[in-house]
Amino acid sequence: KEREFVAAIRWTGSNTAYADSAKGRFTISRDNAKNTV
């Protein structure tokens, strides 16, 4: 299968985006201190 989008987040700010298949089940977040998503 082709590579498909799941989720995205701005490193600064709280804007997020999700694929329909992930909406309501997946959550993207970040920890700036640990440079981790």
Full PDB file with SEQRES, HELIX, SHEET, SSBOND, CRYST1, ORIGX, SCALE, CONECT and MASTER records, all heavy atoms in Angstrom:
SEQRES   1 A   37  LYS GLU ARG GLU PHE VAL ALA ALA ILE ARG TRP THR GLY          
SEQRES   2 A   37  SER ASN THR ALA TYR ALA ASP SER ALA LYS GLY ARG PHE          
SEQRES   3 A   37  THR ILE SER ARG ASP ASN ALA LYS ASN THR VAL                  
HELIX    1 AA1 ASN A   32  LYS A   34  5                                   3    
SHEET    1 AA1 2 ALA A   7  ILE A   9  0                                        
SHEET    2 AA1 2 THR A  16  TYR A  18 -1                                        
CRYST1    1.000    1.000    1.000  90.00  90.00  90.00 P 1           1          
ORIGX1      1.000000  0.000000  0.000000        0.00000                         
ORIGX2      0.000000  1.000000  0.000000        0.00000                         
ORIGX3      0.000000  0.000000  1.000000        0.00000                         
SCALE1      1.000000  0.000000  0.000000        0.00000                         
SCALE2      0.000000  1.000000  0.000000        0.00000                         
SCALE3      0.000000  0.000000  1.000000        0.00000                         
ATOM      1  N   LYS A   1       0.827  -1.198   0.000  1.00  0.00           N  
ATOM      2  CA  LYS A   1       0.000   0.000   0.000  1.00  0.00           C  
ATOM      3  C   LYS A   1       0.864   1.252   0.000  1.00  0.00           C  
ATOM      4  O   LYS A   1       2.039   1.214   0.336  1.00  0.00           O  
ATOM      5  CB  LYS A   1      -0.931   0.011   1.212  1.00  0.00           C  
ATOM      6  CG  LYS A   1      -1.946  -1.115   1.233  1.00  0.00           C  
ATOM      7  CD  LYS A   1      -2.895  -0.966   2.400  1.00  0.00           C  
ATOM      8  CE  LYS A   1      -3.947  -2.056   2.408  1.00  0.00           C  
ATOM      9  NZ  LYS A   1      -4.882  -1.906   3.551  1.00  0.00           N  
ATOM     10  N   GLU A   2       0.253   2.369  -0.388  1.00  0.00           N  
ATOM     11  CA  GLU A   2       0.948   3.643  -0.385  1.00  0.00           C  
ATOM     12  C   GLU A   2       1.060   4.187   1.031  1.00  0.00           C  
ATOM     13  O   GLU A   2       0.249   3.874   1.907  1.00  0.00           O  
ATOM     14  CB  GLU A   2       0.210   4.651  -1.268  1.00  0.00           C  
ATOM     15  CG  GLU A   2       0.159   4.276  -2.736  1.00  0.00           C  
ATOM     16  CD  GLU A   2      -0.541   5.320  -3.577  1.00  0.00           C  
ATOM     17  OE1 GLU A   2      -1.133   6.254  -2.992  1.00  0.00           O  
ATOM     18  OE2 GLU A   2      -0.495   5.214  -4.805  1.00  0.00           O  
ATOM     19  N   ARG A   3       2.079   5.002   1.244  1.00  0.00           N  
ATOM     20  CA  ARG A   3       2.234   5.648   2.535  1.00  0.00           C  
ATOM     21  C   ARG A   3       1.085   6.636   2.740  1.00  0.00           C  
ATOM     22  O   ARG A   3       0.760   7.416   1.845  1.00  0.00           O  
ATOM     23  CB  ARG A   3       3.578   6.366   2.611  1.00  0.00           C  
ATOM     24  CG  ARG A   3       3.881   6.997   3.957  1.00  0.00           C  
ATOM     25  CD  ARG A   3       5.339   7.417   4.050  1.00  0.00           C  
ATOM     26  NE  ARG A   3       6.228   6.270   3.947  1.00  0.00           N  
ATOM     27  CZ  ARG A   3       7.551   6.329   4.118  1.00  0.00           C  
ATOM     28  NH1 ARG A   3       8.135   7.477   4.393  1.00  0.00           N  
ATOM     29  NH2 ARG A   3       8.283   5.228   3.991  1.00  0.00           N  
ATOM     30  N   GLU A   4       0.479   6.609   3.914  1.00  0.00           N  
ATOM     31  CA  GLU A   4      -0.652   7.470   4.183  1.00  0.00           C  
ATOM     32  C   GLU A   4      -0.448   8.303   5.440  1.00  0.00           C  
ATOM     33  O   GLU A   4       0.224   7.899   6.387  1.00  0.00           O  
ATOM     34  CB  GLU A   4      -1.948   6.655   4.302  1.00  0.00           C  
ATOM     35  CG  GLU A   4      -1.983   5.705   5.482  1.00  0.00           C  
ATOM     36  CD  GLU A   4      -3.327   5.019   5.646  1.00  0.00           C  
ATOM     37  OE1 GLU A   4      -4.330   5.512   5.089  1.00  0.00           O  
ATOM     38  OE2 GLU A   4      -3.383   3.976   6.331  1.00  0.00           O  
ATOM     39  N   PHE A   5      -1.067   9.451   5.439  1.00  0.00           N  
ATOM     40  CA  PHE A   5      -1.011  10.381   6.555  1.00  0.00           C  
ATOM     41  C   PHE A   5      -1.801   9.852   7.741  1.00  0.00           C  
ATOM     42  O   PHE A   5      -2.863   9.248   7.574  1.00  0.00           O  
ATOM     43  CB  PHE A   5      -1.570  11.737   6.108  1.00  0.00           C  
ATOM     44  CG  PHE A   5      -1.831  12.692   7.227  1.00  0.00           C  
ATOM     45  CD1 PHE A   5      -0.789  13.384   7.828  1.00  0.00           C  
ATOM     46  CD2 PHE A   5      -3.122  12.917   7.671  1.00  0.00           C  
ATOM     47  CE1 PHE A   5      -1.021  14.271   8.856  1.00  0.00           C  
ATOM     48  CE2 PHE A   5      -3.374  13.804   8.694  1.00  0.00           C  
ATOM     49  CZ  PHE A   5      -2.317  14.482   9.287  1.00  0.00           C  
ATOM     50  N   VAL A   6      -1.275  10.083   8.938  1.00  0.00           N  
ATOM     51  CA  VAL A   6      -1.960   9.679  10.166  1.00  0.00           C  
ATOM     52  C   VAL A   6      -2.306  10.890  11.024  1.00  0.00           C  
ATOM     53  O   VAL A   6      -3.464  11.113  11.371  1.00  0.00           O  
ATOM     54  CB  VAL A   6      -1.121   8.690  10.991  1.00  0.00           C  
ATOM     55  CG1 VAL A   6      -1.850   8.332  12.286  1.00  0.00           C  
ATOM     56  CG2 VAL A   6      -0.823   7.440  10.179  1.00  0.00           C  
ATOM     57  N   ALA A   7      -1.293  11.685  11.381  1.00  0.00           N  
ATOM     58  CA  ALA A   7      -1.513  12.835  12.250  1.00  0.00           C  
ATOM     59  C   ALA A   7      -0.359  13.815  12.118  1.00  0.00           C  
ATOM     60  O   ALA A   7       0.737  13.454  11.700  1.00  0.00           O  
ATOM     61  CB  ALA A   7      -1.662  12.394  13.712  1.00  0.00           C  
ATOM     62  N   ALA A   8      -0.604  15.070  12.492  1.00  0.00           N  
ATOM     63  CA  ALA A   8       0.432  16.095  12.447  1.00  0.00           C  
ATOM     64  C   ALA A   8       0.201  17.121  13.539  1.00  0.00           C  
ATOM     65  O   ALA A   8      -0.924  17.307  14.014  1.00  0.00           O  
ATOM     66  CB  ALA A   8       0.462  16.785  11.083  1.00  0.00           C  
ATOM     67  N   ILE A   9       1.280  17.800  13.937  1.00  0.00           N  
ATOM     68  CA  ILE A   9       1.198  18.815  14.978  1.00  0.00           C  
ATOM     69  C   ILE A   9       2.243  19.890  14.730  1.00  0.00           C  
ATOM     70  O   ILE A   9       3.350  19.601  14.285  1.00  0.00           O  
ATOM     71  CB  ILE A   9       1.397  18.178  16.376  1.00  0.00           C  
ATOM     72  CG1 ILE A   9       1.159  19.203  17.487  1.00  0.00           C  
ATOM     73  CG2 ILE A   9       2.791  17.558  16.492  1.00  0.00           C  
ATOM     74  CD1 ILE A   9       1.120  18.581  18.881  1.00  0.00           C  
ATOM     75  N   ARG A  10       1.877  21.132  15.006  1.00  0.00           N  
ATOM     76  CA  ARG A  10       2.851  22.201  14.962  1.00  0.00           C  
ATOM     77  C   ARG A  10       3.757  22.093  16.187  1.00  0.00           C  
ATOM     78  O   ARG A  10       3.276  21.837  17.299  1.00  0.00           O  
ATOM     79  CB  ARG A  10       2.167  23.568  14.977  1.00  0.00           C  
ATOM     80  CG  ARG A  10       1.367  23.908  13.728  1.00  0.00           C  
ATOM     81  CD  ARG A  10       0.884  25.346  13.790  1.00  0.00           C  
ATOM     82  NE  ARG A  10      -0.023  25.669  12.709  1.00  0.00           N  
ATOM     83  CZ  ARG A  10       0.358  26.109  11.519  1.00  0.00           C  
ATOM     84  NH1 ARG A  10       1.658  26.269  11.250  1.00  0.00           N  
ATOM     85  NH2 ARG A  10      -0.539  26.388  10.587  1.00  0.00           N  
ATOM     86  N   TRP A  11       5.073  22.254  15.992  1.00  0.00           N  
ATOM     87  CA  TRP A  11       5.987  22.171  17.131  1.00  0.00           C  
ATOM     88  C   TRP A  11       5.718  23.275  18.132  1.00  0.00           C  
ATOM     89  O   TRP A  11       5.867  23.091  19.336  1.00  0.00           O  
ATOM     90  CB  TRP A  11       7.440  22.208  16.647  1.00  0.00           C  
ATOM     91  CG  TRP A  11       8.402  21.778  17.708  1.00  0.00           C  
ATOM     92  CD1 TRP A  11       9.315  22.551  18.369  1.00  0.00           C  
ATOM     93  CD2 TRP A  11       8.550  20.459  18.253  1.00  0.00           C  
ATOM     94  NE1 TRP A  11      10.020  21.803  19.274  1.00  0.00           N  
ATOM     95  CE2 TRP A  11       9.569  20.506  19.223  1.00  0.00           C  
ATOM     96  CE3 TRP A  11       7.912  19.236  17.998  1.00  0.00           C  
ATOM     97  CZ2 TRP A  11       9.965  19.374  19.944  1.00  0.00           C  
ATOM     98  CZ3 TRP A  11       8.303  18.118  18.723  1.00  0.00           C  
ATOM     99  CH2 TRP A  11       9.319  18.200  19.672  1.00  0.00           C  
ATOM    100  N   THR A  12       5.340  24.428  17.630  1.00  0.00           N  
ATOM    101  CA  THR A  12       4.898  25.526  18.481  1.00  0.00           C  
ATOM    102  C   THR A  12       3.418  25.750  18.227  1.00  0.00           C  
ATOM    103  O   THR A  12       2.963  25.793  17.084  1.00  0.00           O  
ATOM    104  CB  THR A  12       5.670  26.817  18.199  1.00  0.00           C  
ATOM    105  OG1 THR A  12       5.513  27.185  16.821  1.00  0.00           O  
ATOM    106  CG2 THR A  12       7.150  26.622  18.491  1.00  0.00           C  
ATOM    107  N   GLY A  13       2.658  25.879  19.275  1.00  0.00           N  
ATOM    108  CA  GLY A  13       1.228  26.021  19.157  1.00  0.00           C  
ATOM    109  C   GLY A  13       0.534  24.693  19.375  1.00  0.00           C  
ATOM    110  O   GLY A  13       1.167  23.649  19.557  1.00  0.00           O  
ATOM    111  N   SER A  14      -0.785  24.711  19.331  1.00  0.00           N  
ATOM    112  CA  SER A  14      -1.575  23.531  19.637  1.00  0.00           C  
ATOM    113  C   SER A  14      -2.341  22.975  18.440  1.00  0.00           C  
ATOM    114  O   SER A  14      -3.211  22.115  18.619  1.00  0.00           O  
ATOM    115  CB  SER A  14      -2.557  23.845  20.768  1.00  0.00           C  
ATOM    116  OG  SER A  14      -3.420  24.914  20.416  1.00  0.00           O  
ATOM    117  N   ASN A  15      -2.038  23.443  17.246  1.00  0.00           N  
ATOM    118  CA  ASN A  15      -2.757  22.977  16.067  1.00  0.00           C  
ATOM    119  C   ASN A  15      -2.408  21.526  15.749  1.00  0.00           C  
ATOM    120  O   ASN A  15      -1.236  21.153  15.720  1.00  0.00           O  
ATOM    121  CB  ASN A  15      -2.426  23.850  14.858  1.00  0.00           C  
ATOM    122  CG  ASN A  15      -2.752  25.311  15.069  1.00  0.00           C  
ATOM    123  OD1 ASN A  15      -1.875  26.102  15.400  1.00  0.00           O  
ATOM    124  ND2 ASN A  15      -4.019  25.668  14.880  1.00  0.00           N  
ATOM    125  N   THR A  16      -3.419  20.730  15.502  1.00  0.00           N  
ATOM    126  CA  THR A  16      -3.232  19.336  15.139  1.00  0.00           C  
ATOM    127  C   THR A  16      -4.134  18.979  13.971  1.00  0.00           C  
ATOM    128  O   THR A  16      -5.140  19.641  13.720  1.00  0.00           O  
ATOM    129  CB  THR A  16      -3.541  18.391  16.313  1.00  0.00           C  
ATOM    130  OG1 THR A  16      -4.887  18.609  16.759  1.00  0.00           O  
ATOM    131  CG2 THR A  16      -2.586  18.644  17.469  1.00  0.00           C  
ATOM    132  N   ALA A  17      -3.773  17.922  13.262  1.00  0.00           N  
ATOM    133  CA  ALA A  17      -4.577  17.424  12.156  1.00  0.00           C  
ATOM    134  C   ALA A  17      -4.533  15.904  12.179  1.00  0.00           C  
ATOM    135  O   ALA A  17      -3.505  15.316  12.517  1.00  0.00           O  
ATOM    136  CB  ALA A  17      -4.057  17.954  10.824  1.00  0.00           C  
ATOM    137  N   TYR A  18      -5.648  15.274  11.821  1.00  0.00           N  
ATOM    138  CA  TYR A  18      -5.744  13.823  11.852  1.00  0.00           C  
ATOM    139  C   TYR A  18      -6.394  13.288  10.592  1.00  0.00           C  
ATOM    140  O   TYR A  18      -7.263  13.929   9.998  1.00  0.00           O  
ATOM    141  CB  TYR A  18      -6.572  13.349  13.049  1.00  0.00           C  
ATOM    142  CG  TYR A  18      -5.962  13.651  14.392  1.00  0.00           C  
ATOM    143  CD1 TYR A  18      -6.295  14.807  15.086  1.00  0.00           C  
ATOM    144  CD2 TYR A  18      -5.048  12.773  14.967  1.00  0.00           C  
ATOM    145  CE1 TYR A  18      -5.732  15.083  16.318  1.00  0.00           C  
ATOM    146  CE2 TYR A  18      -4.481  13.043  16.197  1.00  0.00           C  
ATOM    147  CZ  TYR A  18      -4.824  14.191  16.872  1.00  0.00           C  
ATOM    148  OH  TYR A  18      -4.269  14.466  18.097  1.00  0.00           O  
ATOM    149  N   ALA A  19      -5.970  12.102  10.201  1.00  0.00           N  
ATOM    150  CA  ALA A  19      -6.665  11.384   9.154  1.00  0.00           C  
ATOM    151  C   ALA A  19      -8.004  10.920   9.706  1.00  0.00           C  
ATOM    152  O   ALA A  19      -8.160  10.718  10.912  1.00  0.00           O  
ATOM    153  CB  ALA A  19      -5.843  10.184   8.686  1.00  0.00           C  
ATOM    154  N   ASP A  20      -8.974  10.743   8.823  1.00  0.00           N  
ATOM    155  CA  ASP A  20     -10.286  10.290   9.269  1.00  0.00           C  
ATOM    156  C   ASP A  20     -10.197   8.950   9.999  1.00  0.00           C  
ATOM    157  O   ASP A  20     -10.930   8.705  10.961  1.00  0.00           O  
ATOM    158  CB  ASP A  20     -11.239  10.168   8.081  1.00  0.00           C  
ATOM    159  CG  ASP A  20     -11.639  11.513   7.508  1.00  0.00           C  
ATOM    160  OD1 ASP A  20     -11.515  12.524   8.220  1.00  0.00           O  
ATOM    161  OD2 ASP A  20     -12.079  11.551   6.345  1.00  0.00           O  
ATOM    162  N   SER A  21      -9.302   8.092   9.555  1.00  0.00           N  
ATOM    163  CA  SER A  21      -9.145   6.782  10.162  1.00  0.00           C  
ATOM    164  C   SER A  21      -8.585   6.849  11.577  1.00  0.00           C  
ATOM    165  O   SER A  21      -8.753   5.911  12.355  1.00  0.00           O  
ATOM    166  CB  SER A  21      -8.240   5.901   9.295  1.00  0.00           C  
ATOM    167  OG  SER A  21      -6.952   6.475   9.154  1.00  0.00           O  
ATOM    168  N   ALA A  22      -7.912   7.953  11.906  1.00  0.00           N  
ATOM    169  CA  ALA A  22      -7.292   8.104  13.217  1.00  0.00           C  
ATOM    170  C   ALA A  22      -8.114   8.956  14.172  1.00  0.00           C  
ATOM    171  O   ALA A  22      -7.915   8.886  15.391  1.00  0.00           O  
ATOM    172  CB  ALA A  22      -5.902   8.722  13.065  1.00  0.00           C  
ATOM    173  N   LYS A  23      -9.009   9.730  13.646  1.00  0.00           N  
ATOM    174  CA  LYS A  23      -9.795  10.667  14.441  1.00  0.00           C  
ATOM    175  C   LYS A  23     -10.566   9.953  15.546  1.00  0.00           C  
ATOM    176  O   LYS A  23     -11.252   8.967  15.306  1.00  0.00           O  
ATOM    177  CB  LYS A  23     -10.756  11.430  13.536  1.00  0.00           C  
ATOM    178  CG  LYS A  23     -11.451  12.601  14.192  1.00  0.00           C  
ATOM    179  CD  LYS A  23     -12.440  13.246  13.229  1.00  0.00           C  
ATOM    180  CE  LYS A  23     -11.773  13.661  11.929  1.00  0.00           C  
ATOM    181  NZ  LYS A  23     -12.737  14.285  10.982  1.00  0.00           N  
ATOM    182  N   GLY A  24     -10.421  10.456  16.764  1.00  0.00           N  
ATOM    183  CA  GLY A  24     -11.126   9.892  17.894  1.00  0.00           C  
ATOM    184  C   GLY A  24     -10.416   8.735  18.559  1.00  0.00           C  
ATOM    185  O   GLY A  24     -10.785   8.336  19.664  1.00  0.00           O  
ATOM    186  N   ARG A  25      -9.393   8.176  17.916  1.00  0.00           N  
ATOM    187  CA  ARG A  25      -8.654   7.046  18.471  1.00  0.00           C  
ATOM    188  C   ARG A  25      -7.192   7.374  18.742  1.00  0.00           C  
ATOM    189  O   ARG A  25      -6.617   6.888  19.709  1.00  0.00           O  
ATOM    190  CB  ARG A  25      -8.717   5.845  17.529  1.00  0.00           C  
ATOM    191  CG  ARG A  25     -10.123   5.322  17.281  1.00  0.00           C  
ATOM    192  CD  ARG A  25     -10.092   4.006  16.503  1.00  0.00           C  
ATOM    193  NE  ARG A  25      -9.455   4.149  15.197  1.00  0.00           N  
ATOM    194  CZ  ARG A  25      -8.408   3.443  14.785  1.00  0.00           C  
ATOM    195  NH1 ARG A  25      -7.874   2.519  15.583  1.00  0.00           N  
ATOM    196  NH2 ARG A  25      -7.900   3.639  13.573  1.00  0.00           N  
ATOM    197  N   PHE A  26      -6.591   8.194  17.885  1.00  0.00           N  
ATOM    198  CA  PHE A  26      -5.180   8.540  18.013  1.00  0.00           C  
ATOM    199  C   PHE A  26      -5.033   9.977  18.494  1.00  0.00           C  
ATOM    200  O   PHE A  26      -5.853  10.843  18.168  1.00  0.00           O  
ATOM    201  CB  PHE A  26      -4.459   8.404  16.674  1.00  0.00           C  
ATOM    202  CG  PHE A  26      -4.387   6.997  16.131  1.00  0.00           C  
ATOM    203  CD1 PHE A  26      -4.956   5.928  16.803  1.00  0.00           C  
ATOM    204  CD2 PHE A  26      -3.736   6.757  14.933  1.00  0.00           C  
ATOM    205  CE1 PHE A  26      -4.886   4.643  16.296  1.00  0.00           C  
ATOM    206  CE2 PHE A  26      -3.655   5.475  14.417  1.00  0.00           C  
ATOM    207  CZ  PHE A  26      -4.227   4.416  15.092  1.00  0.00           C  
ATOM    208  N   THR A  27      -3.962  10.233  19.245  1.00  0.00           N  
ATOM    209  CA  THR A  27      -3.666  11.572  19.719  1.00  0.00           C  
ATOM    210  C   THR A  27      -2.182  11.870  19.541  1.00  0.00           C  
ATOM    211  O   THR A  27      -1.337  11.112  20.015  1.00  0.00           O  
ATOM    212  CB  THR A  27      -4.036  11.742  21.202  1.00  0.00           C  
ATOM    213  OG1 THR A  27      -5.424  11.448  21.400  1.00  0.00           O  
ATOM    214  CG2 THR A  27      -3.767  13.175  21.649  1.00  0.00           C  
ATOM    215  N   ILE A  28      -1.878  12.956  18.856  1.00  0.00           N  
ATOM    216  CA  ILE A  28      -0.497  13.373  18.683  1.00  0.00           C  
ATOM    217  C   ILE A  28      -0.188  14.463  19.701  1.00  0.00           C  
ATOM    218  O   ILE A  28      -1.022  15.336  19.957  1.00  0.00           O  
ATOM    219  CB  ILE A  28      -0.224  13.860  17.243  1.00  0.00           C  
ATOM    220  CG1 ILE A  28       1.265  14.147  17.039  1.00  0.00           C  
ATOM    221  CG2 ILE A  28      -1.065  15.087  16.907  1.00  0.00           C  
ATOM    222  CD1 ILE A  28       1.640  14.404  15.579  1.00  0.00           C  
ATOM    223  N   SER A  29       0.998  14.405  20.297  1.00  0.00           N  
ATOM    224  CA  SER A  29       1.392  15.383  21.301  1.00  0.00           C  
ATOM    225  C   SER A  29       2.893  15.591  21.244  1.00  0.00           C  
ATOM    226  O   SER A  29       3.598  14.890  20.515  1.00  0.00           O  
ATOM    227  CB  SER A  29       0.958  14.933  22.704  1.00  0.00           C  
ATOM    228  OG  SER A  29       1.571  13.704  23.055  1.00  0.00           O  
ATOM    229  N   ARG A  30       3.393  16.535  22.018  1.00  0.00           N  
ATOM    230  CA  ARG A  30       4.815  16.832  21.996  1.00  0.00           C  
ATOM    231  C   ARG A  30       5.320  17.193  23.380  1.00  0.00           C  
ATOM    232  O   ARG A  30       4.561  17.616  24.259  1.00  0.00           O  
ATOM    233  CB  ARG A  30       5.105  17.983  21.027  1.00  0.00           C  
ATOM    234  CG  ARG A  30       4.486  19.312  21.474  1.00  0.00           C  
ATOM    235  CD  ARG A  30       4.793  20.411  20.479  1.00  0.00           C  
ATOM    236  NE  ARG A  30       4.281  21.698  20.921  1.00  0.00           N  
ATOM    237  CZ  ARG A  30       3.059  22.136  20.658  1.00  0.00           C  
ATOM    238  NH1 ARG A  30       2.212  21.391  19.956  1.00  0.00           N  
ATOM    239  NH2 ARG A  30       2.679  23.328  21.093  1.00  0.00           N  
ATOM    240  N   ASP A  31       6.626  17.025  23.558  1.00  0.00           N  
ATOM    241  CA  ASP A  31       7.316  17.420  24.772  1.00  0.00           C  
ATOM    242  C   ASP A  31       8.546  18.188  24.316  1.00  0.00           C  
ATOM    243  O   ASP A  31       9.553  17.594  23.929  1.00  0.00           O  
ATOM    244  CB  ASP A  31       7.704  16.207  25.609  1.00  0.00           C  
ATOM    245  CG  ASP A  31       8.308  16.588  26.950  1.00  0.00           C  
ATOM    246  OD1 ASP A  31       8.903  17.677  27.063  1.00  0.00           O  
ATOM    247  OD2 ASP A  31       8.190  15.791  27.899  1.00  0.00           O  
ATOM    248  N   ASN A  32       8.456  19.492  24.343  1.00  0.00           N  
ATOM    249  CA  ASN A  32       9.540  20.328  23.836  1.00  0.00           C  
ATOM    250  C   ASN A  32      10.838  20.147  24.626  1.00  0.00           C  
ATOM    251  O   ASN A  32      11.927  20.211  24.054  1.00  0.00           O  
ATOM    252  CB  ASN A  32       9.121  21.798  23.855  1.00  0.00           C  
ATOM    253  CG  ASN A  32       8.045  22.103  22.838  1.00  0.00           C  
ATOM    254  OD1 ASN A  32       7.965  21.472  21.788  1.00  0.00           O  
ATOM    255  ND2 ASN A  32       7.204  23.083  23.138  1.00  0.00           N  
ATOM    256  N   ALA A  33      10.736  19.950  25.926  1.00  0.00           N  
ATOM    257  CA  ALA A  33      11.918  19.780  26.760  1.00  0.00           C  
ATOM    258  C   ALA A  33      12.711  18.542  26.353  1.00  0.00           C  
ATOM    259  O   ALA A  33      13.936  18.524  26.452  1.00  0.00           O  
ATOM    260  CB  ALA A  33      11.529  19.709  28.226  1.00  0.00           C  
ATOM    261  N   LYS A  34      12.017  17.502  25.910  1.00  0.00           N  
ATOM    262  CA  LYS A  34      12.661  16.258  25.499  1.00  0.00           C  
ATOM    263  C   LYS A  34      12.831  16.150  23.991  1.00  0.00           C  
ATOM    264  O   LYS A  34      13.347  15.139  23.497  1.00  0.00           O  
ATOM    265  CB  LYS A  34      11.858  15.061  26.004  1.00  0.00           C  
ATOM    266  CG  LYS A  34      11.780  14.963  27.520  1.00  0.00           C  
ATOM    267  CD  LYS A  34      10.991  13.739  27.946  1.00  0.00           C  
ATOM    268  CE  LYS A  34      10.937  13.623  29.452  1.00  0.00           C  
ATOM    269  NZ  LYS A  34      10.163  12.431  29.887  1.00  0.00           N  
ATOM    270  N   ASN A  35      12.391  17.172  23.268  1.00  0.00           N  
ATOM    271  CA  ASN A  35      12.466  17.174  21.805  1.00  0.00           C  
ATOM    272  C   ASN A  35      11.853  15.895  21.244  1.00  0.00           C  
ATOM    273  O   ASN A  35      12.434  15.225  20.387  1.00  0.00           O  
ATOM    274  CB  ASN A  35      13.915  17.320  21.334  1.00  0.00           C  
ATOM    275  CG  ASN A  35      14.023  17.740  19.882  1.00  0.00           C  
ATOM    276  OD1 ASN A  35      13.163  18.439  19.353  1.00  0.00           O  
ATOM    277  ND2 ASN A  35      15.088  17.305  19.217  1.00  0.00           N  
ATOM    278  N   THR A  36      10.671  15.571  21.745  1.00  0.00           N  
ATOM    279  CA  THR A  36      10.016  14.314  21.416  1.00  0.00           C  
ATOM    280  C   THR A  36       8.565  14.538  20.998  1.00  0.00           C  
ATOM    281  O   THR A  36       7.875  15.394  21.552  1.00  0.00           O  
ATOM    282  CB  THR A  36      10.049  13.354  22.617  1.00  0.00           C  
ATOM    283  OG1 THR A  36      11.412  13.146  23.012  1.00  0.00           O  
ATOM    284  CG2 THR A  36       9.424  12.016  22.269  1.00  0.00           C  
ATOM    285  N   VAL A  37       8.119  13.761  20.032  1.00  0.00           N  
ATOM    286  CA  VAL A  37       6.732  13.762  19.587  1.00  0.00           C  
ATOM    287  C   VAL A  37       6.155  12.375  19.833  1.00  0.00           C  
ATOM    288  O   VAL A  37       6.832  11.363  19.630  1.00  0.00           O  
ATOM    289  CB  VAL A  37       6.617  14.130  18.101  1.00  0.00           C  
ATOM    290  CG1 VAL A  37       5.163  14.090  17.648  1.00  0.00           C  
ATOM    291  CG2 VAL A  37       7.201  15.509  17.853  1.00  0.00           C  
TER     292      VAL A  37                                                      
MASTER        0    0    0    1    2    0    0    6  291    1    0    3          
END                                                                             
